[in-house]
C-alpha atoms as a PDB file:
ATOM      1  CA  UNK A   1      12.419 -18.114 -27.438  1.00  0.00           C
ATOM      2  CA  UNK A   2      12.606 -16.243 -30.774  1.00  0.00           C
ATOM      3  CA  UNK A   3       9.660 -18.278 -32.061  1.00  0.00           C
ATOM      4  CA  UNK A   4       7.724 -17.438 -28.909  1.00  0.00           C
ATOM      5  CA  UNK A   5       8.519 -13.765 -29.329  1.00  0.00           C
ATOM      6  CA  UNK A   6       7.274 -13.767 -32.913  1.00  0.00           C
ATOM      7  CA  UNK A   7       4.082 -15.524 -31.902  1.00  0.00           C
ATOM      8  CA  UNK A   8       3.134 -12.800 -29.428  1.00  0.00           C
ATOM      9  CA  UNK A   9       0.968 -10.062 -30.893  1.00  0.00           C
ATOM     10  CA  UNK A  10       2.505  -6.679 -30.175  1.00  0.00           C
ATOM     11  CA  UNK A  11       0.195  -4.201 -28.509  1.00  0.00           C
ATOM     12  CA  UNK A  12       0.541  -0.425 -28.860  1.00  0.00           C
ATOM     13  CA  UNK A  13       3.103   0.936 -26.419  1.00  0.00           C
ATOM     14  CA  UNK A  14       0.876   3.837 -25.361  1.00  0.00           C
ATOM     15  CA  UNK A  15      -1.630   1.451 -23.808  1.00  0.00           C
ATOM     16  CA  UNK A  16      -4.552   2.761 -25.843  1.00  0.00           C
ATOM     17  CA  UNK A  17      -5.027  -0.498 -27.701  1.00  0.00           C
ATOM     18  CA  UNK A  18      -4.768  -2.778 -24.713  1.00  0.00           C
ATOM     19  CA  UNK A  19      -7.781  -4.732 -23.624  1.00  0.00           C
ATOM     20  CA  UNK A  20      -9.108  -4.317 -20.120  1.00  0.00           C
ATOM     21  CA  UNK A  21      -8.416  -7.903 -19.088  1.00  0.00           C
ATOM     22  CA  UNK A  22      -9.240  -7.562 -15.360  1.00  0.00           C
ATOM     23  CA  UNK A  23     -12.915  -8.503 -15.150  1.00  0.00           C
ATOM     24  CA  UNK A  24     -14.707  -5.758 -17.039  1.00  0.00           C
ATOM     25  CA  UNK A  25     -17.970  -6.831 -15.492  1.00  0.00           C
ATOM     26  CA  UNK A  26     -16.681  -5.392 -12.205  1.00  0.00           C
ATOM     27  CA  UNK A  27     -15.941  -1.922 -13.567  1.00  0.00           C
ATOM     28  CA  UNK A  28     -19.388  -0.397 -12.824  1.00  0.00           C
ATOM     29  CA  UNK A  29     -18.810  -1.210  -9.138  1.00  0.00           C
ATOM     30  CA  UNK A  30     -15.539   0.735  -8.784  1.00  0.00           C
ATOM     31  CA  UNK A  31     -15.753   3.436  -6.139  1.00  0.00           C
ATOM     32  CA  UNK A  32     -12.477   3.090  -4.225  1.00  0.00           C
ATOM     33  CA  UNK A  33      -8.905   2.745  -5.460  1.00  0.00           C
ATOM     34  CA  UNK A  34      -5.867   1.467  -3.591  1.00  0.00           C
ATOM     35  CA  UNK A  35      -3.005   3.799  -4.516  1.00  0.00           C
ATOM     36  CA  UNK A  36      -0.025   1.492  -4.986  1.00  0.00           C
ATOM     37  CA  UNK A  37       3.472   2.700  -5.735  1.00  0.00           C
ATOM     38  CA  UNK A  38       6.788   3.839  -4.306  1.00  0.00           C
ATOM     39  CA  UNK A  39       5.272   7.253  -3.492  1.00  0.00           C
ATOM     40  CA  UNK A  40       5.245   6.221   0.176  1.00  0.00           C
ATOM     41  CA  UNK A  41       9.052   6.545   0.175  1.00  0.00           C
ATOM     42  CA  UNK A  42       9.086  10.160  -1.002  1.00  0.00           C
ATOM     43  CA  UNK A  43      10.261  12.852   1.432  1.00  0.00           C
ATOM     44  CA  UNK A  44       6.803  14.406   1.045  1.00  0.00           C
ATOM     45  CA  UNK A  45       4.936  11.077   1.113  1.00  0.00           C
ATOM     46  CA  UNK A  46       1.975  12.270   3.225  1.00  0.00           C
ATOM     47  CA  UNK A  47       1.462  15.348   1.037  1.00  0.00           C
ATOM     48  CA  UNK A  48       1.780  13.223  -2.112  1.00  0.00           C
ATOM     49  CA  UNK A  49      -0.867  10.876  -0.752  1.00  0.00           C
ATOM     50  CA  UNK A  50      -3.243  13.792  -0.255  1.00  0.00           C
ATOM     51  CA  UNK A  51      -2.575  14.964  -3.818  1.00  0.00           C
ATOM     52  CA  UNK A  52      -3.352  11.513  -5.202  1.00  0.00           C
ATOM     53  CA  UNK A  53      -6.532  11.236  -3.133  1.00  0.00           C
ATOM     54  CA  UNK A  54      -7.643  14.671  -4.351  1.00  0.00           C
ATOM     55  CA  UNK A  55      -7.024  13.558  -7.954  1.00  0.00           C
ATOM     56  CA  UNK A  56      -9.149  10.469  -7.342  1.00  0.00           C
ATOM     57  CA  UNK A  57     -11.948  12.563  -5.854  1.00  0.00           C
ATOM     58  CA  UNK A  58     -11.999  14.804  -8.933  1.00  0.00           C
ATOM     59  CA  UNK A  59     -12.705  11.717 -11.025  1.00  0.00           C
ATOM     60  CA  UNK A  60     -15.350  10.381  -8.660  1.00  0.00           C
ATOM     61  CA  UNK A  61     -13.272   7.844  -6.706  1.00  0.00           C
ATOM     62  CA  UNK A  62     -12.122   7.455  -3.132  1.00  0.00           C
ATOM     63  CA  UNK A  63      -8.359   7.019  -2.966  1.00  0.00           C
ATOM     64  CA  UNK A  64      -6.909   4.726  -0.305  1.00  0.00           C
ATOM     65  CA  UNK A  65      -3.261   5.596   0.331  1.00  0.00           C
ATOM     66  CA  UNK A  66      -1.127   3.052   2.239  1.00  0.00           C
ATOM     67  CA  UNK A  67      -0.069   5.614   4.832  1.00  0.00           C
ATOM     68  CA  UNK A  68      -3.744   6.110   5.726  1.00  0.00           C
ATOM     69  CA  UNK A  69      -3.650   2.833   7.642  1.00  0.00           C
ATOM     70  CA  UNK A  70      -0.249   3.369   9.182  1.00  0.00           C
ATOM     71  CA  UNK A  71      -1.127   5.385  12.266  1.00  0.00           C
ATOM     72  CA  UNK A  72       1.828   6.689  14.275  1.00  0.00           C
ATOM     73  CA  UNK A  73       0.763   4.788  17.398  1.00  0.00           C
ATOM     74  CA  UNK A  74       1.245   1.340  15.869  1.00  0.00           C
ATOM     75  CA  UNK A  75       5.035   1.262  16.410  1.00  0.00           C
ATOM     76  CA  UNK A  76       6.058  -1.228  19.103  1.00  0.00           C
ATOM     77  CA  UNK A  77       9.809  -0.694  19.101  1.00  0.00           C
ATOM     78  CA  UNK A  78      10.246  -4.078  17.417  1.00  0.00           C
ATOM     79  CA  UNK A  79      11.024  -3.461  13.699  1.00  0.00           C
ATOM     80  CA  UNK A  80       9.819  -6.906  12.635  1.00  0.00           C
ATOM     81  CA  UNK A  81       6.516  -6.537  14.471  1.00  0.00           C
ATOM     82  CA  UNK A  82       6.094  -3.062  12.989  1.00  0.00           C
ATOM     83  CA  UNK A  83       6.702  -4.487   9.507  1.00  0.00           C
ATOM     84  CA  UNK A  84       4.096  -7.192  10.114  1.00  0.00           C
ATOM     85  CA  UNK A  85       1.613  -4.581  11.328  1.00  0.00           C
ATOM     86  CA  UNK A  86       2.142  -2.464   8.204  1.00  0.00           C
ATOM     87  CA  UNK A  87       1.756  -5.538   5.985  1.00  0.00           C
ATOM     88  CA  UNK A  88      -1.578  -6.445   7.585  1.00  0.00           C
ATOM     89  CA  UNK A  89      -2.780  -2.838   7.415  1.00  0.00           C
ATOM     90  CA  UNK A  90      -1.938  -2.533   3.708  1.00  0.00           C
ATOM     91  CA  UNK A  91      -3.584  -5.867   2.914  1.00  0.00           C
ATOM     92  CA  UNK A  92      -6.675  -4.590   4.723  1.00  0.00           C
ATOM     93  CA  UNK A  93      -6.743  -1.505   2.501  1.00  0.00           C
ATOM     94  CA  UNK A  94      -6.233  -3.645  -0.603  1.00  0.00           C
ATOM     95  CA  UNK A  95      -9.113  -5.895   0.419  1.00  0.00           C
ATOM     96  CA  UNK A  96     -11.333  -2.859   1.005  1.00  0.00           C
ATOM     97  CA  UNK A  97     -10.573  -1.291  -2.394  1.00  0.00           C
ATOM     98  CA  UNK A  98     -12.573  -2.021  -5.540  1.00  0.00           C
ATOM     99  CA  UNK A  99      -9.544  -1.595  -7.822  1.00  0.00           C
ATOM    100  CA  UNK A 100      -5.893  -0.556  -7.803  1.00  0.00           C
ATOM    101  CA  UNK A 101      -4.170   2.452  -9.328  1.00  0.00           C
ATOM    102  CA  UNK A 102      -0.462   1.571  -9.497  1.00  0.00           C
ATOM    103  CA  UNK A 103       2.603   3.686 -10.111  1.00  0.00           C
ATOM    104  CA  UNK A 104       4.748   1.177 -12.024  1.00  0.00           C
ATOM    105  CA  UNK A 105       7.585   3.474 -12.994  1.00  0.00           C
ATOM    106  CA  UNK A 106      11.163   2.296 -12.519  1.00  0.00           C
ATOM    107  CA  UNK A 107      12.261   2.536  -8.895  1.00  0.00           C
ATOM    108  CA  UNK A 108      15.865   2.183  -7.701  1.00  0.00           C
ATOM    109  CA  UNK A 109      16.728   0.438 -10.947  1.00  0.00           C
ATOM    110  CA  UNK A 110      15.019  -0.688 -14.142  1.00  0.00           C
ATOM    111  CA  UNK A 111      11.995  -2.384 -12.573  1.00  0.00           C
ATOM    112  CA  UNK A 112       8.983  -1.162 -10.557  1.00  0.00           C
ATOM    113  CA  UNK A 113       8.988  -1.152  -6.757  1.00  0.00           C
ATOM    114  CA  UNK A 114       8.887  -4.752  -5.497  1.00  0.00           C
ATOM    115  CA  UNK A 115       6.198  -4.057  -2.890  1.00  0.00           C
ATOM    116  CA  UNK A 116       4.006  -2.518  -5.575  1.00  0.00           C
ATOM    117  CA  UNK A 117       4.510  -5.597  -7.759  1.00  0.00           C
ATOM    118  CA  UNK A 118       3.309  -7.792  -4.903  1.00  0.00           C
ATOM    119  CA  UNK A 119       0.244  -5.590  -4.385  1.00  0.00           C
ATOM    120  CA  UNK A 120      -0.596  -5.745  -8.086  1.00  0.00           C
ATOM    121  CA  UNK A 121      -0.337  -9.540  -8.063  1.00  0.00           C
ATOM    122  CA  UNK A 122      -2.441  -9.769  -4.925  1.00  0.00           C
ATOM    123  CA  UNK A 123      -5.132  -7.548  -6.439  1.00  0.00           C
ATOM    124  CA  UNK A 124      -5.198  -9.524  -9.691  1.00  0.00           C
ATOM    125  CA  UNK A 125      -5.516 -12.767  -7.728  1.00  0.00           C
ATOM    126  CA  UNK A 126      -8.477 -11.275  -5.875  1.00  0.00           C
ATOM    127  CA  UNK A 127     -10.160 -10.331  -9.173  1.00  0.00           C
ATOM    128  CA  UNK A 128      -9.649  -6.582  -8.773  1.00  0.00           C
ATOM    129  CA  UNK A 129      -8.950  -4.451 -11.868  1.00  0.00           C
ATOM    130  CA  UNK A 130      -5.519  -2.804 -11.880  1.00  0.00           C
ATOM    131  CA  UNK A 131      -4.666   0.346 -13.822  1.00  0.00           C
ATOM    132  CA  UNK A 132      -0.911   0.904 -13.975  1.00  0.00           C
ATOM    133  CA  UNK A 133       0.945   3.919 -15.271  1.00  0.00           C
ATOM    134  CA  UNK A 134       4.467   4.528 -16.544  1.00  0.00           C
ATOM    135  CA  UNK A 135       5.891   7.890 -17.687  1.00  0.00           C
ATOM    136  CA  UNK A 136       7.033   6.994 -21.203  1.00  0.00           C
ATOM    137  CA  UNK A 137       6.050   4.733 -24.061  1.00  0.00           C
ATOM    138  CA  UNK A 138       8.059   1.921 -25.585  1.00  0.00           C
ATOM    139  CA  UNK A 139       8.753  -1.673 -24.690  1.00  0.00           C
ATOM    140  CA  UNK A 140      10.523  -2.659 -21.482  1.00  0.00           C
ATOM    141  CA  UNK A 141      13.804  -3.196 -23.324  1.00  0.00           C
ATOM    142  CA  UNK A 142      13.442   0.173 -25.077  1.00  0.00           C
ATOM    143  CA  UNK A 143      12.714   1.913 -21.791  1.00  0.00           C
ATOM    144  CA  UNK A 144      15.769   0.331 -20.184  1.00  0.00           C
ATOM    145  CA  UNK A 145      17.948   1.385 -23.127  1.00  0.00           C
ATOM    146  CA  UNK A 146      16.622   4.944 -22.882  1.00  0.00           C
ATOM    147  CA  UNK A 147      16.804   5.436 -19.132  1.00  0.00           C
ATOM    148  CA  UNK A 148      19.330   2.926 -17.805  1.00  0.00           C
ATOM    149  CA  UNK A 149      21.948   2.460 -20.557  1.00  0.00           C
ATOM    150  CA  UNK A 150      24.530   1.553 -17.908  1.00  0.00           C
ATOM    151  CA  UNK A 151      22.724  -1.783 -17.467  1.00  0.00           C
ATOM    152  CA  UNK A 152      23.208  -2.808 -21.104  1.00  0.00           C
ATOM    153  CA  UNK A 153      25.755  -5.182 -22.562  1.00  0.00           C
ATOM    154  CA  UNK A 154      27.482  -5.097 -25.925  1.00  0.00           C
ATOM    155  CA  UNK A 155      24.697  -7.210 -27.398  1.00  0.00           C
ATOM    156  CA  UNK A 156      21.591  -5.009 -27.551  1.00  0.00           C
ATOM    157  CA  UNK A 157      19.406  -7.941 -26.530  1.00  0.00           C
ATOM    158  CA  UNK A 158      21.224  -8.587 -23.256  1.00  0.00           C
ATOM    159  CA  UNK A 159      22.154  -6.718 -20.118  1.00  0.00           C
ATOM    160  CA  UNK A 160      25.728  -6.117 -18.945  1.00  0.00           C
ATOM    161  CA  UNK A 161      25.832  -9.571 -17.330  1.00  0.00           C
ATOM    162  CA  UNK A 162      24.639 -11.305 -20.482  1.00  0.00           C
ATOM    163  CA  UNK A 163      21.098 -11.877 -19.213  1.00  0.00           C
ATOM    164  CA  UNK A 164      18.371 -11.512 -21.808  1.00  0.00           C
ATOM    165  CA  UNK A 165      16.215  -8.374 -21.963  1.00  0.00           C
ATOM    166  CA  UNK A 166      12.538  -9.285 -22.142  1.00  0.00           C
ATOM    167  CA  UNK A 167      11.079  -8.024 -25.423  1.00  0.00           C
ATOM    168  CA  UNK A 168       7.386  -8.576 -26.144  1.00  0.00           C
ATOM    169  CA  UNK A 169       6.538  -4.994 -27.032  1.00  0.00           C
ATOM    170  CA  UNK A 170       5.134  -4.426 -23.531  1.00  0.00           C
ATOM    171  CA  UNK A 171       6.220  -1.571 -21.235  1.00  0.00           C
ATOM    172  CA  UNK A 172       6.903  -3.906 -18.297  1.00  0.00           C
ATOM    173  CA  UNK A 173       7.498  -7.558 -17.542  1.00  0.00           C
ATOM    174  CA  UNK A 174       4.648  -9.523 -19.110  1.00  0.00           C
ATOM    175  CA  UNK A 175       3.422 -10.740 -15.703  1.00  0.00           C
ATOM    176  CA  UNK A 176       2.547  -7.108 -14.924  1.00  0.00           C
ATOM    177  CA  UNK A 177       1.690  -5.712 -18.346  1.00  0.00           C
ATOM    178  CA  UNK A 178      -0.658  -8.486 -19.483  1.00  0.00           C
ATOM    179  CA  UNK A 179      -3.161  -8.489 -16.589  1.00  0.00           C
ATOM    180  CA  UNK A 180      -3.016  -4.725 -15.945  1.00  0.00           C
ATOM    181  CA  UNK A 181      -4.464  -1.927 -18.016  1.00  0.00           C
ATOM    182  CA  UNK A 182      -1.288   0.019 -18.797  1.00  0.00           C
ATOM    183  CA  UNK A 183      -1.358   3.770 -19.384  1.00  0.00           C
ATOM    184  CA  UNK A 184       1.491   6.006 -20.506  1.00  0.00           C
ATOM    185  CA  UNK A 185       1.490   9.144 -18.394  1.00  0.00           C
ATOM    186  CA  UNK A 186       0.865  10.010 -14.775  1.00  0.00           C
ATOM    187  CA  UNK A 187      -1.827   9.197 -12.220  1.00  0.00           C
ATOM    188  CA  UNK A 188      -4.134  11.738 -13.850  1.00  0.00           C
ATOM    189  CA  UNK A 189      -3.856   9.984 -17.220  1.00  0.00           C
ATOM    190  CA  UNK A 190      -4.594   6.606 -15.630  1.00  0.00           C
ATOM    191  CA  UNK A 191      -7.636   8.001 -13.812  1.00  0.00           C
ATOM    192  CA  UNK A 192      -8.913   9.510 -17.058  1.00  0.00           C
ATOM    193  CA  UNK A 193      -8.547   6.128 -18.761  1.00  0.00           C
ATOM    194  CA  UNK A 194     -10.375   4.388 -15.930  1.00  0.00           C
ATOM    195  CA  UNK A 195     -13.190   6.939 -16.049  1.00  0.00           C
ATOM    196  CA  UNK A 196     -13.495   6.517 -19.834  1.00  0.00           C
ATOM    197  CA  UNK A 197     -13.639   2.734 -19.463  1.00  0.00           C
ATOM    198  CA  UNK A 198     -16.305   3.004 -16.774  1.00  0.00           C
ATOM    199  CA  UNK A 199     -18.391   5.423 -18.815  1.00  0.00           C
ATOM    200  CA  UNK A 200     -18.130   3.190 -21.873  1.00  0.00           C
ATOM    201  CA  UNK A 201     -19.153   0.183 -19.775  1.00  0.00           C
ATOM    202  CA  UNK A 202     -22.164   2.049 -18.430  1.00  0.00           C
ATOM    203  CA  UNK A 203     -23.257   2.944 -21.964  1.00  0.00           C
ATOM    204  CA  UNK A 204     -23.345  -0.692 -23.086  1.00  0.00           C
ATOM    205  CA  UNK A 205     -24.678  -2.123 -19.826  1.00  0.00           C
END
């Protein structure tokens, strides 16, 4: 494992040096963004969705917020059927979007929201670019040490249960950080990065 770690080239933690791995040839076609993240669980989720969509519009994109597809009348009284309905509705929005803007901050622990992780993987598998954002720089292990010290063990390389902390210089687990374009900051910063990438792509096209 140590040899593998040393063989991995460290990329800047602020995301500025990361390559846009997700199919750059598709960038000129981006008009709509699926807004992934745990924001749907906020007390003000609907208002937050409108804020995010307004941010997207200011940068020339249409934002698709998961709650947009979840109309009040879909509830059947059966929780499982409701969950299946929401799943299908969100997949429909993901399929309709050209790319994904993902809030990948820690959520209820030291990892991103699990539903968001699934949506990112689904989008990557469908060839859609994903721009993820986290609020602070540093590697995943550094971010855990800074924000969740209660999870750490006596050995700095392990958690309190003795399980190894992933350390490749990336802000998240490599299965998220490698295929995504990672940005340090908020949704605005990620949208600015996406707009810069699109403009640069247009200039060389």
